[in-house]
C-alpha atoms as a PDB file:
ATOM      1  CA  UNK A   1     217.001  25.307 102.436  1.00  0.00           C
ATOM      2  CA  UNK A   2     216.841  23.171 100.320  1.00  0.00           C
ATOM      3  CA  UNK A   3     213.189  22.495 100.346  1.00  0.00           C
ATOM      4  CA  UNK A   4     212.968  25.798  99.432  1.00  0.00           C
ATOM      5  CA  UNK A   5     215.670  25.828  96.719  1.00  0.00           C
ATOM      6  CA  UNK A   6     213.526  22.468  95.411  1.00  0.00           C
ATOM      7  CA  UNK A   7     210.195  24.267  95.146  1.00  0.00           C
ATOM      8  CA  UNK A   8     211.547  27.919  93.453  1.00  0.00           C
ATOM      9  CA  UNK A   9     213.217  25.268  90.657  1.00  0.00           C
ATOM     10  CA  UNK A  10     209.876  23.450  90.021  1.00  0.00           C
ATOM     11  CA  UNK A  11     207.984  26.502  90.013  1.00  0.00           C
ATOM     12  CA  UNK A  12     210.726  28.019  87.334  1.00  0.00           C
ATOM     13  CA  UNK A  13     210.605  25.405  84.944  1.00  0.00           C
ATOM     14  CA  UNK A  14     207.184  24.923  84.769  1.00  0.00           C
ATOM     15  CA  UNK A  15     206.864  29.062  84.187  1.00  0.00           C
ATOM     16  CA  UNK A  16     209.546  28.226  81.061  1.00  0.00           C
ATOM     17  CA  UNK A  17     206.906  25.832  79.237  1.00  0.00           C
ATOM     18  CA  UNK A  18     204.516  27.282  77.548  1.00  0.00           C
ATOM     19  CA  UNK A  19     201.529  26.356  76.218  1.00  0.00           C
ATOM     20  CA  UNK A  20     199.949  27.379  73.474  1.00  0.00           C
ATOM     21  CA  UNK A  21     196.236  27.191  72.590  1.00  0.00           C
ATOM     22  CA  UNK A  22     194.475  27.034  69.457  1.00  0.00           C
ATOM     23  CA  UNK A  23     193.193  30.472  68.395  1.00  0.00           C
ATOM     24  CA  UNK A  24     191.317  31.157  64.764  1.00  0.00           C
ATOM     25  CA  UNK A  25     192.779  34.244  62.783  1.00  0.00           C
ATOM     26  CA  UNK A  26     189.522  36.229  63.105  1.00  0.00           C
ATOM     27  CA  UNK A  27     189.933  35.838  66.604  1.00  0.00           C
ATOM     28  CA  UNK A  28     193.952  36.848  66.222  1.00  0.00           C
ATOM     29  CA  UNK A  29     192.256  40.094  64.379  1.00  0.00           C
ATOM     30  CA  UNK A  30     190.302  41.140  66.275  1.00  0.00           C
ATOM     31  CA  UNK A  31     192.779  41.424  69.578  1.00  0.00           C
ATOM     32  CA  UNK A  32     195.421  43.027  67.045  1.00  0.00           C
ATOM     33  CA  UNK A  33     192.661  45.911  66.799  1.00  0.00           C
ATOM     34  CA  UNK A  34     191.717  45.894  70.732  1.00  0.00           C
ATOM     35  CA  UNK A  35     194.993  45.920  71.172  1.00  0.00           C
ATOM     36  CA  UNK A  36     195.183  43.055  72.989  1.00  0.00           C
ATOM     37  CA  UNK A  37     197.972  41.279  71.789  1.00  0.00           C
ATOM     38  CA  UNK A  38     201.937  41.429  73.277  1.00  0.00           C
ATOM     39  CA  UNK A  39     204.071  40.100  70.028  1.00  0.00           C
ATOM     40  CA  UNK A  40     203.297  38.074  67.561  1.00  0.00           C
ATOM     41  CA  UNK A  41     205.935  35.342  65.762  1.00  0.00           C
ATOM     42  CA  UNK A  42     205.262  33.675  62.327  1.00  0.00           C
ATOM     43  CA  UNK A  43     206.310  30.255  61.489  1.00  0.00           C
ATOM     44  CA  UNK A  44     205.796  29.258  57.898  1.00  0.00           C
ATOM     45  CA  UNK A  45     206.521  26.074  56.998  1.00  0.00           C
ATOM     46  CA  UNK A  46     204.407  23.880  54.353  1.00  0.00           C
ATOM     47  CA  UNK A  47     201.271  25.210  57.109  1.00  0.00           C
ATOM     48  CA  UNK A  48     201.967  28.192  58.688  1.00  0.00           C
ATOM     49  CA  UNK A  49     201.634  29.045  62.243  1.00  0.00           C
ATOM     50  CA  UNK A  50     201.465  31.619  64.800  1.00  0.00           C
ATOM     51  CA  UNK A  51     202.471  31.917  67.794  1.00  0.00           C
ATOM     52  CA  UNK A  52     201.023  35.112  69.548  1.00  0.00           C
ATOM     53  CA  UNK A  53     201.827  36.042  73.289  1.00  0.00           C
ATOM     54  CA  UNK A  54     198.359  37.948  74.571  1.00  0.00           C
ATOM     55  CA  UNK A  55     199.071  41.208  77.229  1.00  0.00           C
ATOM     56  CA  UNK A  56     197.371  38.788  79.943  1.00  0.00           C
ATOM     57  CA  UNK A  57     200.253  36.602  79.581  1.00  0.00           C
ATOM     58  CA  UNK A  58     198.393  33.711  77.425  1.00  0.00           C
ATOM     59  CA  UNK A  59     200.049  31.683  74.567  1.00  0.00           C
ATOM     60  CA  UNK A  60     197.928  31.152  71.691  1.00  0.00           C
ATOM     61  CA  UNK A  61     198.763  29.776  67.927  1.00  0.00           C
ATOM     62  CA  UNK A  62     197.581  30.285  65.041  1.00  0.00           C
ATOM     63  CA  UNK A  63     197.006  28.189  61.718  1.00  0.00           C
ATOM     64  CA  UNK A  64     197.347  30.717  58.413  1.00  0.00           C
ATOM     65  CA  UNK A  65     198.119  30.136  54.693  1.00  0.00           C
ATOM     66  CA  UNK A  66     200.808  32.280  53.523  1.00  0.00           C
ATOM     67  CA  UNK A  67     198.822  34.040  51.375  1.00  0.00           C
ATOM     68  CA  UNK A  68     197.127  35.929  54.544  1.00  0.00           C
ATOM     69  CA  UNK A  69     200.970  36.527  56.456  1.00  0.00           C
ATOM     70  CA  UNK A  70     201.712  40.223  54.770  1.00  0.00           C
ATOM     71  CA  UNK A  71     198.089  41.251  56.655  1.00  0.00           C
ATOM     72  CA  UNK A  72     198.469  40.093  59.057  1.00  0.00           C
ATOM     73  CA  UNK A  73     201.895  41.572  59.352  1.00  0.00           C
ATOM     74  CA  UNK A  74     200.802  44.591  58.331  1.00  0.00           C
ATOM     75  CA  UNK A  75     197.533  44.992  61.156  1.00  0.00           C
ATOM     76  CA  UNK A  76     200.563  44.271  63.640  1.00  0.00           C
ATOM     77  CA  UNK A  77     202.674  47.621  62.255  1.00  0.00           C
ATOM     78  CA  UNK A  78     199.197  49.305  62.397  1.00  0.00           C
ATOM     79  CA  UNK A  79     199.033  48.471  66.157  1.00  0.00           C
ATOM     80  CA  UNK A  80     203.192  49.158  66.959  1.00  0.00           C
ATOM     81  CA  UNK A  81     203.373  45.261  67.851  1.00  0.00           C
ATOM     82  CA  UNK A  82     206.962  43.678  67.653  1.00  0.00           C
ATOM     83  CA  UNK A  83     206.586  40.646  64.581  1.00  0.00           C
ATOM     84  CA  UNK A  84     209.518  37.988  64.392  1.00  0.00           C
ATOM     85  CA  UNK A  85     208.914  36.114  61.525  1.00  0.00           C
ATOM     86  CA  UNK A  86     211.357  32.390  61.531  1.00  0.00           C
ATOM     87  CA  UNK A  87     213.122  31.778  59.103  1.00  0.00           C
ATOM     88  CA  UNK A  88     212.278  28.179  57.520  1.00  0.00           C
ATOM     89  CA  UNK A  89     214.657  25.586  57.956  1.00  0.00           C
ATOM     90  CA  UNK A  90     216.592  24.998  55.365  1.00  0.00           C
ATOM     91  CA  UNK A  91     216.550  20.785  54.182  1.00  0.00           C
ATOM     92  CA  UNK A  92     219.386  19.146  55.317  1.00  0.00           C
ATOM     93  CA  UNK A  93     221.861  17.638  52.777  1.00  0.00           C
ATOM     94  CA  UNK A  94     220.417  14.611  50.730  1.00  0.00           C
ATOM     95  CA  UNK A  95     222.608  11.731  51.963  1.00  0.00           C
ATOM     96  CA  UNK A  96     225.356  10.914  49.842  1.00  0.00           C
ATOM     97  CA  UNK A  97     224.632   7.644  47.910  1.00  0.00           C
ATOM     98  CA  UNK A  98     226.449   4.706  48.600  1.00  0.00           C
ATOM     99  CA  UNK A  99     227.806   2.775  46.689  1.00  0.00           C
ATOM    100  CA  UNK A 100     227.850  -0.910  48.553  1.00  0.00           C
ATOM    101  CA  UNK A 101     224.810  -2.336  46.467  1.00  0.00           C
ATOM    102  CA  UNK A 102     226.353  -1.815  43.105  1.00  0.00           C
ATOM    103  CA  UNK A 103     229.212  -2.815  44.290  1.00  0.00           C
ATOM    104  CA  UNK A 104     227.272  -6.624  45.591  1.00  0.00           C
ATOM    105  CA  UNK A 105     225.371  -6.675  42.458  1.00  0.00           C
ATOM    106  CA  UNK A 106     228.830  -6.609  40.689  1.00  0.00           C
ATOM    107  CA  UNK A 107     230.606  -9.133  42.869  1.00  0.00           C
ATOM    108  CA  UNK A 108     226.956 -11.159  41.848  1.00  0.00           C
ATOM    109  CA  UNK A 109     227.387 -10.427  37.913  1.00  0.00           C
ATOM    110  CA  UNK A 110     230.996 -11.422  37.964  1.00  0.00           C
ATOM    111  CA  UNK A 111     229.994 -14.814  40.112  1.00  0.00           C
ATOM    112  CA  UNK A 112     227.356 -15.759  37.494  1.00  0.00           C
ATOM    113  CA  UNK A 113     229.759 -15.591  34.604  1.00  0.00           C
ATOM    114  CA  UNK A 114     232.334 -17.063  36.219  1.00  0.00           C
ATOM    115  CA  UNK A 115     229.766 -19.803  36.918  1.00  0.00           C
ATOM    116  CA  UNK A 116     228.792 -19.577  33.303  1.00  0.00           C
ATOM    117  CA  UNK A 117     232.540 -20.012  31.631  1.00  0.00           C
ATOM    118  CA  UNK A 118     233.415 -23.265  33.878  1.00  0.00           C
ATOM    119  CA  UNK A 119     230.060 -24.821  32.906  1.00  0.00           C
ATOM    120  CA  UNK A 120     230.550 -24.331  29.184  1.00  0.00           C
ATOM    121  CA  UNK A 121     234.219 -24.928  29.948  1.00  0.00           C
ATOM    122  CA  UNK A 122     233.098 -28.794  31.058  1.00  0.00           C
ATOM    123  CA  UNK A 123     230.644 -29.255  28.448  1.00  0.00           C
ATOM    124  CA  UNK A 124     233.004 -29.063  26.066  1.00  0.00           C
ATOM    125  CA  UNK A 125     235.530 -30.955  27.452  1.00  0.00           C
ATOM    126  CA  UNK A 126     232.806 -33.634  27.839  1.00  0.00           C
ATOM    127  CA  UNK A 127     231.803 -33.726  24.534  1.00  0.00           C
ATOM    128  CA  UNK A 128     235.491 -33.196  22.650  1.00  0.00           C
ATOM    129  CA  UNK A 129     236.086 -36.560  24.886  1.00  0.00           C
ATOM    130  CA  UNK A 130     233.107 -38.634  23.849  1.00  0.00           C
ATOM    131  CA  UNK A 131     234.229 -37.512  19.855  1.00  0.00           C
ATOM    132  CA  UNK A 132     237.790 -38.410  20.657  1.00  0.00           C
ATOM    133  CA  UNK A 133     236.400 -41.764  22.555  1.00  0.00           C
ATOM    134  CA  UNK A 134     234.277 -42.628  19.150  1.00  0.00           C
ATOM    135  CA  UNK A 135     236.933 -41.502  16.929  1.00  0.00           C
ATOM    136  CA  UNK A 136     239.546 -44.452  17.594  1.00  0.00           C
ATOM    137  CA  UNK A 137     237.183 -46.865  16.685  1.00  0.00           C
ATOM    138  CA  UNK A 138     236.263 -45.704  13.112  1.00  0.00           C
ATOM    139  CA  UNK A 139     239.992 -47.892  12.267  1.00  0.00           C
ATOM    140  CA  UNK A 140     240.060 -51.694  12.435  1.00  0.00           C
ATOM    141  CA  UNK A 141     239.002 -53.635  14.718  1.00  0.00           C
ATOM    142  CA  UNK A 142     242.443 -54.685  17.045  1.00  0.00           C
ATOM    143  CA  UNK A 143     242.008 -58.243  18.384  1.00  0.00           C
ATOM    144  CA  UNK A 144     242.670 -59.566  21.758  1.00  0.00           C
ATOM    145  CA  UNK A 145     246.247 -61.052  22.370  1.00  0.00           C
ATOM    146  CA  UNK A 146     246.563 -64.616  22.083  1.00  0.00           C
ATOM    147  CA  UNK A 147     243.685 -64.887  20.105  1.00  0.00           C
ATOM    148  CA  UNK A 148     244.224 -64.624  16.090  1.00  0.00           C
ATOM    149  CA  UNK A 149     241.683 -63.994  12.901  1.00  0.00           C
END
């Protein structure tokens, strides 16, 4: 019993997989004129393709240009073949811009500004200290204690 279920599920699974064979547009038009087509499904995209279901159970895929779509649909409608035109998938909305990189760049900029200001402040104090030491030597020399001049 279990083996029979396993075999039946394997054949059912194999039956649901459809393999499309490539075909040319002139060949499809010939099949439409001879009534060999069961149904058509158009898939418009950058390079459109048509999925063709034939009466003998085969499935074909035909590449086409958008300008040829109306002609093929007219042929199918004239032959009474059902036609489905799939809607193009809407493009996913662009991901919102993450401002993480902007915050990192701003933090680096603030850090650089703080370092530059610190260097300038230290340099200014150093220069003021040197100028203050030289100014004390401008007056009369002071003799060390215990010596007289």
